[in-house]
Amino acid sequence: MMDHFGLPPADTGVEIAEGLDTNLGDVIVPMWQQRLRIFAHNKLAIASVIFLVALVIFCFLGPILYHTNQTDQATALNSPFNAAPSTRHLLGTDSSGFDELGRIMFGGEYSLSLGMLAGIITIVVGTIYGMISGFLGGIVDTVMMRILDALLSIPLLFLLITLIAVFTRSTLFLIIIIGVTGWFGNARIIRGDALLIKKLEYSQAATAMGASKWHIITRHVFPNSMSNIVTVATFSVADAILFLSTLGFLGLGIPAPQTDWGTMLQEGSVQQSNGFWWEIYPTALLFVLLIVAITYVGEALRDAFEVRLLER
């Protein structure tokens, strides 16, 4: 509305300023909030996070409330073997007399812990190797990629079995061996990101302005590779748990009296023909749900760290 001089009312400017502030507030959203909003939009990922948190609480805090013997074989011999679920043993006992529910918690601690540690080693080694190879390029990239091609030509499971057969098997050895043999594919993915990002305009401009290679890697290449790094890191944990369980199923897992879900599945599969379902199905269900949940979380994190989905 205009006054008789053809000018807007005095308070219109305030309203316009308030409108601009509101619009700016809508546009300028912190990056972490945008990522959280994108992640929260994926309902399956939210459900997966809830399941993973519940599983961690179940495995690590459950034994505090549900006391069972899982390390003393002599004590376990006093319990009935392959006993059906009852009020004394909620999920029955296994072929060694160990309480099955407590065994699932005990094995879950090792499966989750070792898988996480091996996955961290995998992503750290793969990211460093791929970033160096892709960013330096030239003869360095050629040599590093030929080495990687040679390593990729070896079936990973056979490599793991060979190394475990040659060296003394231990929990620490399993973490290291799975970690240092699982980064080959990750390095190739990160290397592709580094090759692409270093040729983009902002990286070229930084180079022209005299920025060091370390500056370009830390301020341009690494942040813009975060989407793939986070995704690969999540899947690396799932792969590490899978490989650990595979070795356990083949009888090459964690040495007794410790156990993991793969070893439990192998022992339970022997008893399946006898109708002792409680020795395999609960563990198998948790194992499958764990891998599926990690996969959904990884896909949601990939979208959350995708720069093209963020507002400017």
C-alpha atoms as a PDB file:
ATOM      1  CA  MET A   1       0.000   0.000   0.000  1.00  0.00           C
ATOM      2  CA  MET A   2       1.272   3.511  -0.897  1.00  0.00           C
ATOM      3  CA  ASP A   3       0.809   6.709   1.099  1.00  0.00           C
ATOM      4  CA  HIS A   4      -0.216   9.993  -0.503  1.00  0.00           C
ATOM      5  CA  PHE A   5       3.412  10.701  -1.532  1.00  0.00           C
ATOM      6  CA  GLY A   6       3.536   7.404  -3.474  1.00  0.00           C
ATOM      7  CA  LEU A   7       5.942   5.842  -0.954  1.00  0.00           C
ATOM      8  CA  PRO A   8       5.490   2.617   0.957  1.00  0.00           C
ATOM      9  CA  PRO A   9       4.643   2.776   4.649  1.00  0.00           C
ATOM     10  CA  ALA A  10       7.559   3.135   7.064  1.00  0.00           C
ATOM     11  CA  ASP A  11       7.193  -0.356   8.521  1.00  0.00           C
ATOM     12  CA  THR A  12       7.294  -2.053   5.104  1.00  0.00           C
ATOM     13  CA  GLY A  13      11.081  -2.004   5.125  1.00  0.00           C
ATOM     14  CA  VAL A  14      11.073  -3.819   8.448  1.00  0.00           C
ATOM     15  CA  GLU A  15       8.730  -6.443   7.046  1.00  0.00           C
ATOM     16  CA  ILE A  16      10.945  -6.858   3.989  1.00  0.00           C
ATOM     17  CA  ALA A  17      14.024  -7.213   6.191  1.00  0.00           C
ATOM     18  CA  GLU A  18      12.263  -9.760   8.341  1.00  0.00           C
ATOM     19  CA  GLY A  19      11.238 -11.646   5.203  1.00  0.00           C
ATOM     20  CA  LEU A  20      14.819 -11.597   3.965  1.00  0.00           C
ATOM     21  CA  ASP A  21      16.053 -12.873   7.309  1.00  0.00           C
ATOM     22  CA  THR A  22      13.515 -15.677   7.178  1.00  0.00           C
ATOM     23  CA  ASN A  23      14.492 -16.587   3.647  1.00  0.00           C
ATOM     24  CA  LEU A  24      18.170 -16.492   4.513  1.00  0.00           C
ATOM     25  CA  GLY A  25      17.480 -18.660   7.515  1.00  0.00           C
ATOM     26  CA  ASP A  26      15.771 -21.164   5.275  1.00  0.00           C
ATOM     27  CA  VAL A  27      18.609 -21.155   2.750  1.00  0.00           C
ATOM     28  CA  ILE A  28      21.685 -21.132   4.982  1.00  0.00           C
ATOM     29  CA  VAL A  29      21.400 -24.441   6.787  1.00  0.00           C
ATOM     30  CA  PRO A  30      24.461 -25.932   8.516  1.00  0.00           C
ATOM     31  CA  MET A  31      25.947 -28.780   6.533  1.00  0.00           C
ATOM     32  CA  TRP A  32      25.639 -31.286   9.369  1.00  0.00           C
ATOM     33  CA  GLN A  33      21.921 -30.548   9.612  1.00  0.00           C
ATOM     34  CA  GLN A  34      21.498 -31.105   5.895  1.00  0.00           C
ATOM     35  CA  ARG A  35      23.314 -34.443   6.137  1.00  0.00           C
ATOM     36  CA  LEU A  36      21.272 -35.463   9.149  1.00  0.00           C
ATOM     37  CA  ARG A  37      18.066 -34.543   7.310  1.00  0.00           C
ATOM     38  CA  ILE A  38      19.073 -36.613   4.269  1.00  0.00           C
ATOM     39  CA  PHE A  39      19.982 -39.568   6.469  1.00  0.00           C
ATOM     40  CA  ALA A  40      16.763 -39.314   8.495  1.00  0.00           C
ATOM     41  CA  HIS A  41      14.747 -39.344   5.256  1.00  0.00           C
ATOM     42  CA  ASN A  42      15.800 -42.984   4.772  1.00  0.00           C
ATOM     43  CA  LYS A  43      13.456 -44.853   7.122  1.00  0.00           C
ATOM     44  CA  LEU A  44      15.168 -48.193   6.569  1.00  0.00           C
ATOM     45  CA  ALA A  45      18.477 -46.656   7.621  1.00  0.00           C
ATOM     46  CA  ILE A  46      16.907 -45.285  10.821  1.00  0.00           C
ATOM     47  CA  ALA A  47      15.461 -48.710  11.606  1.00  0.00           C
ATOM     48  CA  SER A  48      18.877 -50.243  10.885  1.00  0.00           C
ATOM     49  CA  VAL A  49      20.618 -47.853  13.274  1.00  0.00           C
ATOM     50  CA  ILE A  50      18.106 -48.718  16.007  1.00  0.00           C
ATOM     51  CA  PHE A  51      18.715 -52.423  15.386  1.00  0.00           C
ATOM     52  CA  LEU A  52      22.517 -52.005  15.446  1.00  0.00           C
ATOM     53  CA  VAL A  53      22.397 -50.055  18.711  1.00  0.00           C
ATOM     54  CA  ALA A  54      20.104 -52.684  20.225  1.00  0.00           C
ATOM     55  CA  LEU A  55      22.419 -55.459  19.008  1.00  0.00           C
ATOM     56  CA  VAL A  56      25.489 -53.798  20.536  1.00  0.00           C
ATOM     57  CA  ILE A  57      23.651 -53.356  23.849  1.00  0.00           C
ATOM     58  CA  PHE A  58      22.494 -56.984  23.679  1.00  0.00           C
ATOM     59  CA  CYS A  59      25.989 -58.368  23.048  1.00  0.00           C
ATOM     60  CA  PHE A  60      28.037 -56.160  25.358  1.00  0.00           C
ATOM     61  CA  LEU A  61      25.632 -55.372  28.197  1.00  0.00           C
ATOM     62  CA  GLY A  62      23.443 -58.463  28.008  1.00  0.00           C
ATOM     63  CA  PRO A  63      25.965 -60.714  29.833  1.00  0.00           C
ATOM     64  CA  ILE A  64      25.785 -58.365  32.825  1.00  0.00           C
ATOM     65  CA  LEU A  65      22.113 -59.226  33.294  1.00  0.00           C
ATOM     66  CA  TYR A  66      22.167 -62.784  31.932  1.00  0.00           C
ATOM     67  CA  HIS A  67      25.095 -64.534  33.625  1.00  0.00           C
ATOM     68  CA  THR A  68      26.385 -67.669  31.907  1.00  0.00           C
ATOM     69  CA  ASN A  69      29.639 -69.564  31.696  1.00  0.00           C
ATOM     70  CA  GLN A  70      31.231 -69.243  28.260  1.00  0.00           C
ATOM     71  CA  THR A  71      34.916 -69.941  28.882  1.00  0.00           C
ATOM     72  CA  ASP A  72      35.200 -72.877  31.322  1.00  0.00           C
ATOM     73  CA  GLN A  73      34.664 -76.109  29.432  1.00  0.00           C
ATOM     74  CA  ALA A  74      34.802 -78.187  32.618  1.00  0.00           C
ATOM     75  CA  THR A  75      31.897 -76.257  34.118  1.00  0.00           C
ATOM     76  CA  ALA A  76      29.937 -76.498  30.868  1.00  0.00           C
ATOM     77  CA  LEU A  77      30.241 -80.294  30.978  1.00  0.00           C
ATOM     78  CA  ASN A  78      27.987 -80.251  34.033  1.00  0.00           C
ATOM     79  CA  SER A  79      25.165 -78.799  31.917  1.00  0.00           C
ATOM     80  CA  PRO A  80      22.998 -80.961  29.639  1.00  0.00           C
ATOM     81  CA  PHE A  81      24.134 -81.134  26.028  1.00  0.00           C
ATOM     82  CA  ASN A  82      21.785 -79.948  23.261  1.00  0.00           C
ATOM     83  CA  ALA A  83      19.069 -79.158  25.809  1.00  0.00           C
ATOM     84  CA  ALA A  84      15.910 -77.574  24.426  1.00  0.00           C
ATOM     85  CA  PRO A  85      14.948 -74.016  25.438  1.00  0.00           C
ATOM     86  CA  SER A  86      13.651 -73.828  28.991  1.00  0.00           C
ATOM     87  CA  THR A  87      13.344 -71.410  31.888  1.00  0.00           C
ATOM     88  CA  ARG A  88      16.895 -72.307  32.937  1.00  0.00           C
ATOM     89  CA  HIS A  89      18.378 -71.971  29.447  1.00  0.00           C
ATOM     90  CA  LEU A  90      16.212 -69.583  27.435  1.00  0.00           C
ATOM     91  CA  LEU A  91      17.632 -70.740  24.099  1.00  0.00           C
ATOM     92  CA  GLY A  92      18.792 -74.149  25.234  1.00  0.00           C
ATOM     93  CA  THR A  93      22.391 -75.370  25.233  1.00  0.00           C
ATOM     94  CA  ASP A  94      24.796 -76.343  22.481  1.00  0.00           C
ATOM     95  CA  SER A  95      26.707 -79.555  21.884  1.00  0.00           C
ATOM     96  CA  SER A  96      29.337 -78.524  24.434  1.00  0.00           C
ATOM     97  CA  GLY A  97      26.887 -77.654  27.195  1.00  0.00           C
ATOM     98  CA  PHE A  98      27.226 -73.876  26.861  1.00  0.00           C
ATOM     99  CA  ASP A  99      24.090 -71.762  27.263  1.00  0.00           C
ATOM    100  CA  GLU A 100      23.084 -70.811  23.692  1.00  0.00           C
ATOM    101  CA  LEU A 101      21.736 -67.325  24.464  1.00  0.00           C
ATOM    102  CA  GLY A 102      24.854 -66.438  26.413  1.00  0.00           C
ATOM    103  CA  ARG A 103      26.934 -67.961  23.617  1.00  0.00           C
ATOM    104  CA  ILE A 104      25.276 -65.673  21.062  1.00  0.00           C
ATOM    105  CA  MET A 105      26.154 -62.647  23.216  1.00  0.00           C
ATOM    106  CA  PHE A 106      29.699 -63.906  23.736  1.00  0.00           C
ATOM    107  CA  GLY A 107      30.254 -64.651  20.052  1.00  0.00           C
ATOM    108  CA  GLY A 108      28.637 -61.368  19.046  1.00  0.00           C
ATOM    109  CA  GLU A 109      31.176 -59.429  21.096  1.00  0.00           C
ATOM    110  CA  TYR A 110      34.030 -60.955  19.110  1.00  0.00           C
ATOM    111  CA  SER A 111      32.273 -60.751  15.745  1.00  0.00           C
ATOM    112  CA  LEU A 112      31.391 -57.075  16.158  1.00  0.00           C
ATOM    113  CA  SER A 113      34.692 -56.018  17.753  1.00  0.00           C
ATOM    114  CA  LEU A 114      36.954 -57.863  15.333  1.00  0.00           C
ATOM    115  CA  GLY A 115      34.858 -56.839  12.352  1.00  0.00           C
ATOM    116  CA  MET A 116      34.983 -53.179  13.360  1.00  0.00           C
ATOM    117  CA  LEU A 117      38.741 -53.182  13.985  1.00  0.00           C
ATOM    118  CA  ALA A 118      39.524 -55.055  10.779  1.00  0.00           C
ATOM    119  CA  GLY A 119      37.193 -52.727   8.841  1.00  0.00           C
ATOM    120  CA  ILE A 120      38.996 -49.667  10.214  1.00  0.00           C
ATOM    121  CA  ILE A 121      42.353 -51.062   9.119  1.00  0.00           C
ATOM    122  CA  THR A 122      40.908 -51.822   5.697  1.00  0.00           C
ATOM    123  CA  ILE A 123      39.548 -48.339   5.036  1.00  0.00           C
ATOM    124  CA  VAL A 124      42.621 -46.525   6.408  1.00  0.00           C
ATOM    125  CA  VAL A 125      45.071 -48.536   4.309  1.00  0.00           C
ATOM    126  CA  GLY A 126      42.859 -48.433   1.213  1.00  0.00           C
ATOM    127  CA  THR A 127      42.205 -44.687   1.470  1.00  0.00           C
ATOM    128  CA  ILE A 128      45.884 -43.799   1.908  1.00  0.00           C
ATOM    129  CA  TYR A 129      47.007 -46.105  -0.888  1.00  0.00           C
ATOM    130  CA  GLY A 130      44.318 -45.012  -3.335  1.00  0.00           C
ATOM    131  CA  MET A 131      44.691 -41.302  -2.522  1.00  0.00           C
ATOM    132  CA  ILE A 132      48.457 -41.362  -3.054  1.00  0.00           C
ATOM    133  CA  SER A 133      48.195 -43.366  -6.268  1.00  0.00           C
ATOM    134  CA  GLY A 134      45.449 -41.260  -7.814  1.00  0.00           C
ATOM    135  CA  PHE A 135      46.796 -37.862  -6.807  1.00  0.00           C
ATOM    136  CA  LEU A 136      50.451 -38.381  -7.746  1.00  0.00           C
ATOM    137  CA  GLY A 137      49.611 -40.151 -11.017  1.00  0.00           C
ATOM    138  CA  GLY A 138      52.294 -40.878 -13.608  1.00  0.00           C
ATOM    139  CA  ILE A 139      54.780 -43.654 -13.023  1.00  0.00           C
ATOM    140  CA  VAL A 140      53.886 -43.827  -9.315  1.00  0.00           C
ATOM    141  CA  ASP A 141      50.255 -44.522 -10.140  1.00  0.00           C
ATOM    142  CA  THR A 142      51.217 -47.081 -12.784  1.00  0.00           C
ATOM    143  CA  VAL A 143      53.463 -49.052 -10.432  1.00  0.00           C
ATOM    144  CA  MET A 144      50.991 -48.910  -7.534  1.00  0.00           C
ATOM    145  CA  MET A 145      48.110 -50.036  -9.732  1.00  0.00           C
ATOM    146  CA  ARG A 146      50.078 -52.951 -11.171  1.00  0.00           C
ATOM    147  CA  ILE A 147      50.837 -54.091  -7.635  1.00  0.00           C
ATOM    148  CA  LEU A 148      47.154 -53.752  -6.808  1.00  0.00           C
ATOM    149  CA  ASP A 149      46.159 -55.713  -9.922  1.00  0.00           C
ATOM    150  CA  ALA A 150      48.468 -58.527  -8.846  1.00  0.00           C
ATOM    151  CA  LEU A 151      46.911 -58.595  -5.386  1.00  0.00           C
ATOM    152  CA  LEU A 152      43.389 -58.503  -6.793  1.00  0.00           C
ATOM    153  CA  SER A 153      44.156 -61.503  -9.002  1.00  0.00           C
ATOM    154  CA  ILE A 154      44.547 -63.661  -5.883  1.00  0.00           C
ATOM    155  CA  PRO A 155      41.207 -64.978  -4.510  1.00  0.00           C
ATOM    156  CA  LEU A 156      40.858 -63.293  -1.128  1.00  0.00           C
ATOM    157  CA  LEU A 157      39.420 -66.290   0.688  1.00  0.00           C
ATOM    158  CA  PHE A 158      42.245 -68.539  -0.517  1.00  0.00           C
ATOM    159  CA  LEU A 159      44.766 -65.896   0.533  1.00  0.00           C
ATOM    160  CA  LEU A 160      43.238 -65.690   4.012  1.00  0.00           C
ATOM    161  CA  ILE A 161      43.173 -69.473   4.415  1.00  0.00           C
ATOM    162  CA  THR A 162      46.799 -69.754   3.264  1.00  0.00           C
ATOM    163  CA  LEU A 163      48.044 -67.082   5.648  1.00  0.00           C
ATOM    164  CA  ILE A 164      46.113 -68.530   8.580  1.00  0.00           C
ATOM    165  CA  ALA A 165      47.430 -72.031   7.790  1.00  0.00           C
ATOM    166  CA  VAL A 166      51.031 -70.789   7.640  1.00  0.00           C
ATOM    167  CA  PHE A 167      51.051 -68.522  10.691  1.00  0.00           C
ATOM    168  CA  THR A 168      49.884 -69.082  14.237  1.00  0.00           C
ATOM    169  CA  ARG A 169      46.161 -68.365  14.572  1.00  0.00           C
ATOM    170  CA  SER A 170      45.182 -65.790  17.202  1.00  0.00           C
ATOM    171  CA  THR A 171      42.584 -63.095  17.691  1.00  0.00           C
ATOM    172  CA  LEU A 172      45.041 -60.274  16.962  1.00  0.00           C
ATOM    173  CA  PHE A 173      46.336 -62.095  13.905  1.00  0.00           C
ATOM    174  CA  LEU A 174      42.827 -62.470  12.506  1.00  0.00           C
ATOM    175  CA  ILE A 175      42.180 -58.727  12.904  1.00  0.00           C
ATOM    176  CA  ILE A 176      45.415 -57.800  11.148  1.00  0.00           C
ATOM    177  CA  ILE A 177      45.177 -60.386   8.380  1.00  0.00           C
ATOM    178  CA  ILE A 178      41.578 -59.500   7.465  1.00  0.00           C
ATOM    179  CA  GLY A 179      42.388 -55.779   7.645  1.00  0.00           C
ATOM    180  CA  VAL A 180      45.494 -55.851   5.460  1.00  0.00           C
ATOM    181  CA  THR A 181      43.987 -58.126   2.819  1.00  0.00           C
ATOM    182  CA  GLY A 182      40.599 -56.446   2.434  1.00  0.00           C
ATOM    183  CA  TRP A 183      41.580 -52.991   1.187  1.00  0.00           C
ATOM    184  CA  PHE A 184      42.361 -53.821  -2.455  1.00  0.00           C
ATOM    185  CA  GLY A 185      38.968 -52.901  -3.909  1.00  0.00           C
ATOM    186  CA  ASN A 186      38.641 -49.870  -1.615  1.00  0.00           C
ATOM    187  CA  ALA A 187      41.921 -48.435  -2.857  1.00  0.00           C
ATOM    188  CA  ARG A 188      40.765 -48.608  -6.475  1.00  0.00           C
ATOM    189  CA  ILE A 189      37.533 -46.713  -5.643  1.00  0.00           C
ATOM    190  CA  ILE A 190      39.349 -43.955  -3.734  1.00  0.00           C
ATOM    191  CA  ARG A 191      41.983 -43.726  -6.452  1.00  0.00           C
ATOM    192  CA  GLY A 192      39.261 -43.025  -9.029  1.00  0.00           C
ATOM    193  CA  ASP A 193      37.951 -40.159  -6.876  1.00  0.00           C
ATOM    194  CA  ALA A 194      41.432 -38.680  -6.510  1.00  0.00           C
ATOM    195  CA  LEU A 195      42.051 -38.846 -10.273  1.00  0.00           C
ATOM    196  CA  LEU A 196      38.785 -37.031 -10.968  1.00  0.00           C
ATOM    197  CA  ILE A 197      38.901 -34.368  -8.256  1.00  0.00           C
ATOM    198  CA  LYS A 198      42.482 -33.263  -8.872  1.00  0.00           C
ATOM    199  CA  LYS A 199      41.481 -32.311 -12.456  1.00  0.00           C
ATOM    200  CA  LEU A 200      38.461 -30.206 -11.470  1.00  0.00           C
ATOM    201  CA  GLU A 201      38.499 -26.429 -11.687  1.00  0.00           C
ATOM    202  CA  TYR A 202      38.863 -25.649  -7.999  1.00  0.00           C
ATOM    203  CA  SER A 203      41.808 -28.052  -7.635  1.00  0.00           C
ATOM    204  CA  GLN A 204      43.465 -26.599 -10.725  1.00  0.00           C
ATOM    205  CA  ALA A 205      42.879 -23.068  -9.423  1.00  0.00           C
ATOM    206  CA  ALA A 206      44.419 -23.936  -6.059  1.00  0.00           C
ATOM    207  CA  THR A 207      47.444 -25.407  -7.826  1.00  0.00           C
ATOM    208  CA  ALA A 208      47.821 -22.276  -9.973  1.00  0.00           C
ATOM    209  CA  MET A 209      47.734 -20.117  -6.829  1.00  0.00           C
ATOM    210  CA  GLY A 210      50.659 -22.046  -5.400  1.00  0.00           C
ATOM    211  CA  ALA A 211      48.853 -24.392  -3.011  1.00  0.00           C
ATOM    212  CA  SER A 212      50.890 -27.375  -1.875  1.00  0.00           C
ATOM    213  CA  LYS A 213      49.927 -30.943  -2.728  1.00  0.00           C
ATOM    214  CA  TRP A 214      49.136 -31.608   0.935  1.00  0.00           C
ATOM    215  CA  HIS A 215      46.778 -28.608   0.951  1.00  0.00           C
ATOM    216  CA  ILE A 216      44.961 -29.829  -2.158  1.00  0.00           C
ATOM    217  CA  ILE A 217      44.618 -33.353  -0.764  1.00  0.00           C
ATOM    218  CA  THR A 218      43.331 -32.255   2.652  1.00  0.00           C
ATOM    219  CA  ARG A 219      41.137 -29.344   1.501  1.00  0.00           C
ATOM    220  CA  HIS A 220      39.824 -30.582  -1.837  1.00  0.00           C
ATOM    221  CA  VAL A 221      40.477 -34.225  -2.681  1.00  0.00           C
ATOM    222  CA  PHE A 222      39.738 -35.783   0.719  1.00  0.00           C
ATOM    223  CA  PRO A 223      36.569 -33.779   1.610  1.00  0.00           C
ATOM    224  CA  ASN A 224      35.058 -34.345  -1.822  1.00  0.00           C
ATOM    225  CA  SER A 225      35.832 -38.073  -1.618  1.00  0.00           C
ATOM    226  CA  MET A 226      34.098 -38.377   1.740  1.00  0.00           C
ATOM    227  CA  SER A 227      30.928 -39.815   0.229  1.00  0.00           C
ATOM    228  CA  ASN A 228      32.744 -42.833  -1.173  1.00  0.00           C
ATOM    229  CA  ILE A 229      35.080 -43.110   1.818  1.00  0.00           C
ATOM    230  CA  VAL A 230      32.195 -43.311   4.291  1.00  0.00           C
ATOM    231  CA  THR A 231      30.321 -45.761   2.097  1.00  0.00           C
ATOM    232  CA  VAL A 232      33.368 -47.948   1.583  1.00  0.00           C
ATOM    233  CA  ALA A 233      34.157 -47.800   5.313  1.00  0.00           C
ATOM    234  CA  THR A 234      30.679 -49.022   6.206  1.00  0.00           C
ATOM    235  CA  PHE A 235      30.781 -51.870   3.728  1.00  0.00           C
ATOM    236  CA  SER A 236      34.322 -52.741   4.837  1.00  0.00           C
ATOM    237  CA  VAL A 237      33.018 -53.471   8.328  1.00  0.00           C
ATOM    238  CA  ALA A 238      30.318 -55.720   6.856  1.00  0.00           C
ATOM    239  CA  ASP A 239      32.902 -57.477   4.656  1.00  0.00           C
ATOM    240  CA  ALA A 240      35.236 -57.984   7.613  1.00  0.00           C
ATOM    241  CA  ILE A 241      32.437 -59.571   9.663  1.00  0.00           C
ATOM    242  CA  LEU A 242      31.556 -61.766   6.681  1.00  0.00           C
ATOM    243  CA  PHE A 243      35.147 -62.926   6.197  1.00  0.00           C
ATOM    244  CA  LEU A 244      35.565 -63.584   9.918  1.00  0.00           C
ATOM    245  CA  SER A 245      32.372 -65.620   9.949  1.00  0.00           C
ATOM    246  CA  THR A 246      33.430 -67.472   6.799  1.00  0.00           C
ATOM    247  CA  LEU A 247      36.730 -68.443   8.403  1.00  0.00           C
ATOM    248  CA  GLY A 248      34.866 -69.506  11.533  1.00  0.00           C
ATOM    249  CA  PHE A 249      32.474 -71.627   9.472  1.00  0.00           C
ATOM    250  CA  LEU A 250      35.490 -73.316   7.872  1.00  0.00           C
ATOM    251  CA  GLY A 251      36.988 -74.032  11.310  1.00  0.00           C
ATOM    252  CA  LEU A 252      39.665 -71.322  11.010  1.00  0.00           C
ATOM    253  CA  GLY A 253      38.053 -68.686  13.198  1.00  0.00           C
ATOM    254  CA  ILE A 254      38.827 -67.468  16.692  1.00  0.00           C
ATOM    255  CA  PRO A 255      40.583 -70.146  18.760  1.00  0.00           C
ATOM    256  CA  ALA A 256      38.638 -71.661  21.681  1.00  0.00           C
ATOM    257  CA  PRO A 257      37.404 -70.907  24.283  1.00  0.00           C
ATOM    258  CA  GLN A 258      36.488 -67.713  22.417  1.00  0.00           C
ATOM    259  CA  THR A 259      34.006 -68.004  19.587  1.00  0.00           C
ATOM    260  CA  ASP A 260      32.320 -65.995  16.855  1.00  0.00           C
ATOM    261  CA  TRP A 261      29.052 -66.318  14.991  1.00  0.00           C
ATOM    262  CA  GLY A 262      30.658 -68.134  12.070  1.00  0.00           C
ATOM    263  CA  THR A 263      32.038 -70.824  14.357  1.00  0.00           C
ATOM    264  CA  MET A 264      28.653 -71.113  16.070  1.00  0.00           C
ATOM    265  CA  LEU A 265      26.922 -71.524  12.708  1.00  0.00           C
ATOM    266  CA  GLN A 266      29.346 -74.272  11.754  1.00  0.00           C
ATOM    267  CA  GLU A 267      28.757 -76.130  15.009  1.00  0.00           C
ATOM    268  CA  GLY A 268      25.000 -75.606  14.768  1.00  0.00           C
ATOM    269  CA  SER A 269      24.831 -76.862  11.180  1.00  0.00           C
ATOM    270  CA  VAL A 270      26.186 -80.205  12.351  1.00  0.00           C
ATOM    271  CA  GLN A 271      23.278 -80.507  14.793  1.00  0.00           C
ATOM    272  CA  GLN A 272      20.578 -79.261  12.422  1.00  0.00           C
ATOM    273  CA  SER A 273      19.768 -82.757  11.194  1.00  0.00           C
ATOM    274  CA  ASN A 274      19.026 -83.733  14.789  1.00  0.00           C
ATOM    275  CA  GLY A 275      16.342 -81.076  15.061  1.00  0.00           C
ATOM    276  CA  PHE A 276      18.297 -78.785  17.398  1.00  0.00           C
ATOM    277  CA  TRP A 277      17.096 -75.622  15.645  1.00  0.00           C
ATOM    278  CA  TRP A 278      18.067 -73.314  18.507  1.00  0.00           C
ATOM    279  CA  GLU A 279      21.747 -73.913  17.759  1.00  0.00           C
ATOM    280  CA  ILE A 280      21.621 -72.340  14.306  1.00  0.00           C
ATOM    281  CA  TYR A 281      18.517 -70.284  13.505  1.00  0.00           C
ATOM    282  CA  PRO A 282      18.786 -67.516  16.182  1.00  0.00           C
ATOM    283  CA  THR A 283      22.451 -66.918  15.333  1.00  0.00           C
ATOM    284  CA  ALA A 284      21.793 -67.048  11.587  1.00  0.00           C
ATOM    285  CA  LEU A 285      18.911 -64.573  11.910  1.00  0.00           C
ATOM    286  CA  LEU A 286      20.994 -62.061  13.865  1.00  0.00           C
ATOM    287  CA  PHE A 287      23.883 -62.463  11.433  1.00  0.00           C
ATOM    288  CA  VAL A 288      21.739 -61.828   8.349  1.00  0.00           C
ATOM    289  CA  LEU A 289      19.982 -58.849   9.955  1.00  0.00           C
ATOM    290  CA  LEU A 290      23.364 -57.400  10.956  1.00  0.00           C
ATOM    291  CA  ILE A 291      24.727 -57.474   7.405  1.00  0.00           C
ATOM    292  CA  VAL A 292      21.491 -56.071   5.945  1.00  0.00           C
ATOM    293  CA  ALA A 293      21.383 -53.279   8.549  1.00  0.00           C
ATOM    294  CA  ILE A 294      24.986 -52.254   7.859  1.00  0.00           C
ATOM    295  CA  THR A 295      24.212 -52.195   4.135  1.00  0.00           C
ATOM    296  CA  TYR A 296      21.234 -49.861   4.595  1.00  0.00           C
ATOM    297  CA  VAL A 297      23.239 -47.561   6.871  1.00  0.00           C
ATOM    298  CA  GLY A 298      26.050 -47.455   4.323  1.00  0.00           C
ATOM    299  CA  GLU A 299      23.695 -46.456   1.511  1.00  0.00           C
ATOM    300  CA  ALA A 300      22.125 -43.719   3.661  1.00  0.00           C
ATOM    301  CA  LEU A 301      25.553 -42.375   4.658  1.00  0.00           C
ATOM    302  CA  ARG A 302      26.568 -42.310   0.996  1.00  0.00           C
ATOM    303  CA  ASP A 303      23.584 -40.084   0.232  1.00  0.00           C
ATOM    304  CA  ALA A 304      24.177 -37.920   3.318  1.00  0.00           C
ATOM    305  CA  PHE A 305      27.783 -37.193   2.332  1.00  0.00           C
ATOM    306  CA  GLU A 306      26.994 -36.711  -1.344  1.00  0.00           C
ATOM    307  CA  VAL A 307      27.929 -33.084  -2.060  1.00  0.00           C
ATOM    308  CA  ARG A 308      25.448 -32.759  -4.937  1.00  0.00           C
ATOM    309  CA  LEU A 309      22.532 -33.363  -2.548  1.00  0.00           C
ATOM    310  CA  LEU A 310      23.543 -30.538  -0.213  1.00  0.00           C
ATOM    311  CA  GLU A 311      22.173 -27.023  -0.427  1.00  0.00           C
ATOM    312  CA  ARG A 312      24.447 -24.087  -1.140  1.00  0.00           C
END
